[in-house]
């Protein structure tokens, strides 16, 4: 069985999760930044990591996701807003839509620090309210060890199920 983990990271948040996930997987898992990632063809499982930009996976991640067709996949993302928020639910749906035509085995969103350049650009259009400052401050401490463990658990469980099913064979349409 071959697994590929591809990630796009702006601040290092998504790279941190990708490294944690990969370290917890069997030695046959490959880890690549999106800029140098191999073709997803020939892998039994493809994990895709992204940072959230404008309510969806970032452009580099989306470009790679478009290459992934008919695969078993999982995805993970980092964002400055709460993953449990309405915004987070929209991000999950945008990622699912980008991966339509694939079998999605797992998904995970994580709070992550926001690039100061993005905060500055947003401040030009949105006032810095106490609530917004508090959210940015909270995000600045993530991802943390608990976030990495949570992401790892999601992907380890998905791959354990996939490995258990591998002995039963995969039925493909003829």
C-alpha atoms as a PDB file:
ATOM      1  CA  UNK A   1       0.000   0.000   0.000  1.00  0.00           C
ATOM      2  CA  UNK A   2       1.285   3.460  -0.906  1.00  0.00           C
ATOM      3  CA  UNK A   3       0.209   6.724   0.683  1.00  0.00           C
ATOM      4  CA  UNK A   4       1.013  10.248  -0.463  1.00  0.00           C
ATOM      5  CA  UNK A   5       0.714  13.347   1.720  1.00  0.00           C
ATOM      6  CA  UNK A   6       0.786  16.640  -0.179  1.00  0.00           C
ATOM      7  CA  UNK A   7       0.494  19.976   1.575  1.00  0.00           C
ATOM      8  CA  UNK A   8       0.438  23.685   0.831  1.00  0.00           C
ATOM      9  CA  UNK A   9       1.548  25.953   3.654  1.00  0.00           C
ATOM     10  CA  UNK A  10       1.962  29.701   3.971  1.00  0.00           C
ATOM     11  CA  UNK A  11       2.942  30.135   7.619  1.00  0.00           C
ATOM     12  CA  UNK A  12       4.071  26.600   8.475  1.00  0.00           C
ATOM     13  CA  UNK A  13       0.776  25.592  10.120  1.00  0.00           C
ATOM     14  CA  UNK A  14      -0.241  23.064   7.495  1.00  0.00           C
ATOM     15  CA  UNK A  15       3.329  21.780   7.145  1.00  0.00           C
ATOM     16  CA  UNK A  16       3.356  21.105  10.904  1.00  0.00           C
ATOM     17  CA  UNK A  17       0.176  19.030  10.674  1.00  0.00           C
ATOM     18  CA  UNK A  18       1.435  17.211   7.572  1.00  0.00           C
ATOM     19  CA  UNK A  19       4.666  16.260   9.318  1.00  0.00           C
ATOM     20  CA  UNK A  20       2.789  15.034  12.391  1.00  0.00           C
ATOM     21  CA  UNK A  21       0.391  12.968  10.289  1.00  0.00           C
ATOM     22  CA  UNK A  22       3.209  11.490   8.217  1.00  0.00           C
ATOM     23  CA  UNK A  23       5.316  10.615  11.279  1.00  0.00           C
ATOM     24  CA  UNK A  24       2.428   8.587  12.679  1.00  0.00           C
ATOM     25  CA  UNK A  25       1.837   6.633   9.478  1.00  0.00           C
ATOM     26  CA  UNK A  26       3.689   3.571   8.225  1.00  0.00           C
ATOM     27  CA  UNK A  27       7.052   4.075   6.560  1.00  0.00           C
ATOM     28  CA  UNK A  28       5.496   3.722   3.125  1.00  0.00           C
ATOM     29  CA  UNK A  29       3.882   7.156   3.392  1.00  0.00           C
ATOM     30  CA  UNK A  30       5.522   9.907   1.317  1.00  0.00           C
ATOM     31  CA  UNK A  31       5.401  13.594   2.294  1.00  0.00           C
ATOM     32  CA  UNK A  32       5.753  16.393  -0.273  1.00  0.00           C
ATOM     33  CA  UNK A  33       5.111  20.121  -0.428  1.00  0.00           C
ATOM     34  CA  UNK A  34       2.639  20.867  -3.213  1.00  0.00           C
ATOM     35  CA  UNK A  35       5.307  22.638  -5.271  1.00  0.00           C
ATOM     36  CA  UNK A  36       7.286  19.401  -5.756  1.00  0.00           C
ATOM     37  CA  UNK A  37       4.595  16.753  -5.282  1.00  0.00           C
ATOM     38  CA  UNK A  38       4.522  13.780  -7.623  1.00  0.00           C
ATOM     39  CA  UNK A  39       1.473  12.741  -9.602  1.00  0.00           C
ATOM     40  CA  UNK A  40      -1.174  11.177  -7.347  1.00  0.00           C
ATOM     41  CA  UNK A  41      -1.546   8.245  -9.739  1.00  0.00           C
ATOM     42  CA  UNK A  42      -0.447   4.892  -8.390  1.00  0.00           C
ATOM     43  CA  UNK A  43      -1.030   5.722  -4.724  1.00  0.00           C
ATOM     44  CA  UNK A  44      -3.616   3.859  -2.657  1.00  0.00           C
ATOM     45  CA  UNK A  45      -4.343   6.897  -0.495  1.00  0.00           C
ATOM     46  CA  UNK A  46      -3.719  10.605  -1.026  1.00  0.00           C
ATOM     47  CA  UNK A  47      -3.846  13.081   1.871  1.00  0.00           C
ATOM     48  CA  UNK A  48      -4.097  16.739   0.934  1.00  0.00           C
ATOM     49  CA  UNK A  49      -3.304  19.643   3.245  1.00  0.00           C
ATOM     50  CA  UNK A  50      -4.119  23.296   2.645  1.00  0.00           C
ATOM     51  CA  UNK A  51      -4.415  26.657   4.311  1.00  0.00           C
ATOM     52  CA  UNK A  52      -7.731  28.428   4.035  1.00  0.00           C
ATOM     53  CA  UNK A  53      -7.902  31.427   1.724  1.00  0.00           C
ATOM     54  CA  UNK A  54     -11.185  33.246   1.146  1.00  0.00           C
ATOM     55  CA  UNK A  55     -13.232  30.386   2.568  1.00  0.00           C
ATOM     56  CA  UNK A  56     -11.672  27.599   0.515  1.00  0.00           C
ATOM     57  CA  UNK A  57      -8.408  25.699   0.065  1.00  0.00           C
ATOM     58  CA  UNK A  58      -5.617  27.944  -1.214  1.00  0.00           C
ATOM     59  CA  UNK A  59      -4.946  28.163  -4.955  1.00  0.00           C
ATOM     60  CA  UNK A  60      -1.894  25.863  -4.989  1.00  0.00           C
ATOM     61  CA  UNK A  61      -3.808  23.179  -3.118  1.00  0.00           C
ATOM     62  CA  UNK A  62      -6.821  23.548  -5.420  1.00  0.00           C
ATOM     63  CA  UNK A  63      -4.602  23.202  -8.461  1.00  0.00           C
ATOM     64  CA  UNK A  64      -3.184  19.929  -7.120  1.00  0.00           C
ATOM     65  CA  UNK A  65      -6.619  18.687  -6.001  1.00  0.00           C
ATOM     66  CA  UNK A  66      -7.801  19.015  -9.602  1.00  0.00           C
ATOM     67  CA  UNK A  67      -5.191  16.393 -10.558  1.00  0.00           C
ATOM     68  CA  UNK A  68      -6.564  13.881  -8.054  1.00  0.00           C
ATOM     69  CA  UNK A  69      -9.236  11.774  -9.744  1.00  0.00           C
ATOM     70  CA  UNK A  70     -10.768   8.458  -8.701  1.00  0.00           C
ATOM     71  CA  UNK A  71      -8.576   8.151  -5.604  1.00  0.00           C
ATOM     72  CA  UNK A  72      -9.123   7.382  -1.952  1.00  0.00           C
ATOM     73  CA  UNK A  73      -8.369  10.660  -0.227  1.00  0.00           C
ATOM     74  CA  UNK A  74      -8.357  12.548   3.026  1.00  0.00           C
ATOM     75  CA  UNK A  75      -7.839  16.241   3.550  1.00  0.00           C
ATOM     76  CA  UNK A  76      -6.781  18.586   6.288  1.00  0.00           C
ATOM     77  CA  UNK A  77      -6.647  22.331   6.525  1.00  0.00           C
ATOM     78  CA  UNK A  78      -5.641  25.142   8.821  1.00  0.00           C
ATOM     79  CA  UNK A  79      -7.612  28.328   9.281  1.00  0.00           C
ATOM     80  CA  UNK A  80      -7.717  31.428  11.451  1.00  0.00           C
ATOM     81  CA  UNK A  81     -11.390  31.003  12.314  1.00  0.00           C
ATOM     82  CA  UNK A  82     -12.983  28.266  14.386  1.00  0.00           C
ATOM     83  CA  UNK A  83     -13.217  25.024  12.423  1.00  0.00           C
ATOM     84  CA  UNK A  84     -16.616  24.443  14.073  1.00  0.00           C
ATOM     85  CA  UNK A  85     -17.998  27.769  12.812  1.00  0.00           C
ATOM     86  CA  UNK A  86     -20.294  28.290   9.843  1.00  0.00           C
ATOM     87  CA  UNK A  87     -17.185  29.483   7.995  1.00  0.00           C
ATOM     88  CA  UNK A  88     -15.452  26.202   8.866  1.00  0.00           C
ATOM     89  CA  UNK A  89     -18.386  24.177   7.564  1.00  0.00           C
ATOM     90  CA  UNK A  90     -18.199  26.139   4.321  1.00  0.00           C
ATOM     91  CA  UNK A  91     -14.474  25.367   4.025  1.00  0.00           C
ATOM     92  CA  UNK A  92     -15.152  21.651   4.490  1.00  0.00           C
ATOM     93  CA  UNK A  93     -17.758  21.773   1.731  1.00  0.00           C
ATOM     94  CA  UNK A  94     -15.428  23.695  -0.602  1.00  0.00           C
ATOM     95  CA  UNK A  95     -12.747  21.033  -0.105  1.00  0.00           C
ATOM     96  CA  UNK A  96     -15.259  18.240  -0.684  1.00  0.00           C
ATOM     97  CA  UNK A  97     -16.399  19.959  -3.870  1.00  0.00           C
ATOM     98  CA  UNK A  98     -12.785  20.306  -5.058  1.00  0.00           C
ATOM     99  CA  UNK A  99     -12.311  16.575  -4.506  1.00  0.00           C
ATOM    100  CA  UNK A 100     -15.555  15.449  -6.147  1.00  0.00           C
ATOM    101  CA  UNK A 101     -15.051  12.163  -7.960  1.00  0.00           C
ATOM    102  CA  UNK A 102     -12.812  10.790  -5.220  1.00  0.00           C
ATOM    103  CA  UNK A 103     -13.650   8.636  -2.203  1.00  0.00           C
ATOM    104  CA  UNK A 104     -13.128  10.918   0.804  1.00  0.00           C
ATOM    105  CA  UNK A 105     -12.123   8.772   3.777  1.00  0.00           C
ATOM    106  CA  UNK A 106     -11.391  11.517   6.299  1.00  0.00           C
ATOM    107  CA  UNK A 107     -11.296  15.254   6.790  1.00  0.00           C
ATOM    108  CA  UNK A 108      -9.916  17.550   9.465  1.00  0.00           C
ATOM    109  CA  UNK A 109      -9.753  21.302  10.025  1.00  0.00           C
ATOM    110  CA  UNK A 110      -7.531  22.932  12.593  1.00  0.00           C
ATOM    111  CA  UNK A 111      -7.184  26.409  14.016  1.00  0.00           C
ATOM    112  CA  UNK A 112      -3.931  28.029  12.915  1.00  0.00           C
ATOM    113  CA  UNK A 113      -2.092  31.298  13.320  1.00  0.00           C
ATOM    114  CA  UNK A 114      -2.870  33.918  10.730  1.00  0.00           C
ATOM    115  CA  UNK A 115      -0.159  35.380   8.531  1.00  0.00           C
ATOM    116  CA  UNK A 116       0.447  38.954   9.767  1.00  0.00           C
ATOM    117  CA  UNK A 117       0.336  40.186   6.166  1.00  0.00           C
ATOM    118  CA  UNK A 118      -3.203  38.832   5.827  1.00  0.00           C
ATOM    119  CA  UNK A 119      -4.211  40.422   9.135  1.00  0.00           C
ATOM    120  CA  UNK A 120      -2.837  43.767   7.960  1.00  0.00           C
ATOM    121  CA  UNK A 121      -4.612  43.526   4.610  1.00  0.00           C
ATOM    122  CA  UNK A 122      -7.893  42.603   6.273  1.00  0.00           C
ATOM    123  CA  UNK A 123      -7.560  45.474   8.746  1.00  0.00           C
ATOM    124  CA  UNK A 124      -7.779  47.887   5.841  1.00  0.00           C
ATOM    125  CA  UNK A 125     -11.327  46.618   5.169  1.00  0.00           C
ATOM    126  CA  UNK A 126     -12.509  45.357   8.557  1.00  0.00           C
ATOM    127  CA  UNK A 127     -12.019  47.220  11.841  1.00  0.00           C
ATOM    128  CA  UNK A 128     -10.046  45.478  14.577  1.00  0.00           C
ATOM    129  CA  UNK A 129     -12.801  44.739  17.080  1.00  0.00           C
ATOM    130  CA  UNK A 130     -12.026  43.247  20.509  1.00  0.00           C
ATOM    131  CA  UNK A 131     -13.638  39.994  19.350  1.00  0.00           C
ATOM    132  CA  UNK A 132     -11.501  39.859  16.212  1.00  0.00           C
ATOM    133  CA  UNK A 133      -8.330  40.601  18.176  1.00  0.00           C
ATOM    134  CA  UNK A 134      -9.204  37.835  20.659  1.00  0.00           C
ATOM    135  CA  UNK A 135      -9.731  35.359  17.791  1.00  0.00           C
ATOM    136  CA  UNK A 136      -6.397  36.301  16.234  1.00  0.00           C
ATOM    137  CA  UNK A 137      -4.659  35.970  19.594  1.00  0.00           C
ATOM    138  CA  UNK A 138      -6.207  32.538  20.180  1.00  0.00           C
ATOM    139  CA  UNK A 139      -5.256  31.386  16.679  1.00  0.00           C
ATOM    140  CA  UNK A 140      -1.652  32.523  17.229  1.00  0.00           C
ATOM    141  CA  UNK A 141      -1.011  29.565  19.553  1.00  0.00           C
ATOM    142  CA  UNK A 142      -2.157  26.959  17.031  1.00  0.00           C
ATOM    143  CA  UNK A 143      -1.622  24.408  15.775  1.00  0.00           C
ATOM    144  CA  UNK A 144      -0.389  22.978  19.031  1.00  0.00           C
ATOM    145  CA  UNK A 145       0.467  19.458  20.185  1.00  0.00           C
ATOM    146  CA  UNK A 146      -3.190  18.612  20.816  1.00  0.00           C
ATOM    147  CA  UNK A 147      -4.080  19.764  17.287  1.00  0.00           C
ATOM    148  CA  UNK A 148      -1.350  17.556  15.821  1.00  0.00           C
ATOM    149  CA  UNK A 149      -2.532  14.564  17.850  1.00  0.00           C
ATOM    150  CA  UNK A 150      -6.138  15.110  16.751  1.00  0.00           C
ATOM    151  CA  UNK A 151      -5.158  15.291  13.077  1.00  0.00           C
ATOM    152  CA  UNK A 152      -2.940  12.245  13.424  1.00  0.00           C
ATOM    153  CA  UNK A 153      -5.755  10.246  15.000  1.00  0.00           C
ATOM    154  CA  UNK A 154      -8.163  11.065  12.153  1.00  0.00           C
ATOM    155  CA  UNK A 155      -5.721   9.921   9.475  1.00  0.00           C
ATOM    156  CA  UNK A 156      -4.413   6.899  11.383  1.00  0.00           C
ATOM    157  CA  UNK A 157      -7.986   5.653  11.811  1.00  0.00           C
ATOM    158  CA  UNK A 158      -8.756   6.142   8.119  1.00  0.00           C
ATOM    159  CA  UNK A 159      -5.622   4.294   7.034  1.00  0.00           C
ATOM    160  CA  UNK A 160      -6.232   1.489   9.518  1.00  0.00           C
ATOM    161  CA  UNK A 161      -9.680   0.957   7.988  1.00  0.00           C
ATOM    162  CA  UNK A 162      -8.211   1.155   4.494  1.00  0.00           C
ATOM    163  CA  UNK A 163      -5.475  -1.367   5.377  1.00  0.00           C
ATOM    164  CA  UNK A 164      -8.009  -3.723   6.927  1.00  0.00           C
ATOM    165  CA  UNK A 165     -10.122  -3.522   3.780  1.00  0.00           C
ATOM    166  CA  UNK A 166      -7.127  -4.020   1.490  1.00  0.00           C
ATOM    167  CA  UNK A 167      -7.137  -7.738   2.183  1.00  0.00           C
ATOM    168  CA  UNK A 168     -10.754  -7.915   1.024  1.00  0.00           C
ATOM    169  CA  UNK A 169      -9.968  -6.330  -2.337  1.00  0.00           C
ATOM    170  CA  UNK A 170     -11.440  -3.288  -4.017  1.00  0.00           C
ATOM    171  CA  UNK A 171     -14.271  -3.631  -6.431  1.00  0.00           C
ATOM    172  CA  UNK A 172     -13.886  -1.330  -9.371  1.00  0.00           C
ATOM    173  CA  UNK A 173     -16.423  -0.763 -12.070  1.00  0.00           C
ATOM    174  CA  UNK A 174     -15.540  -2.695 -15.187  1.00  0.00           C
END
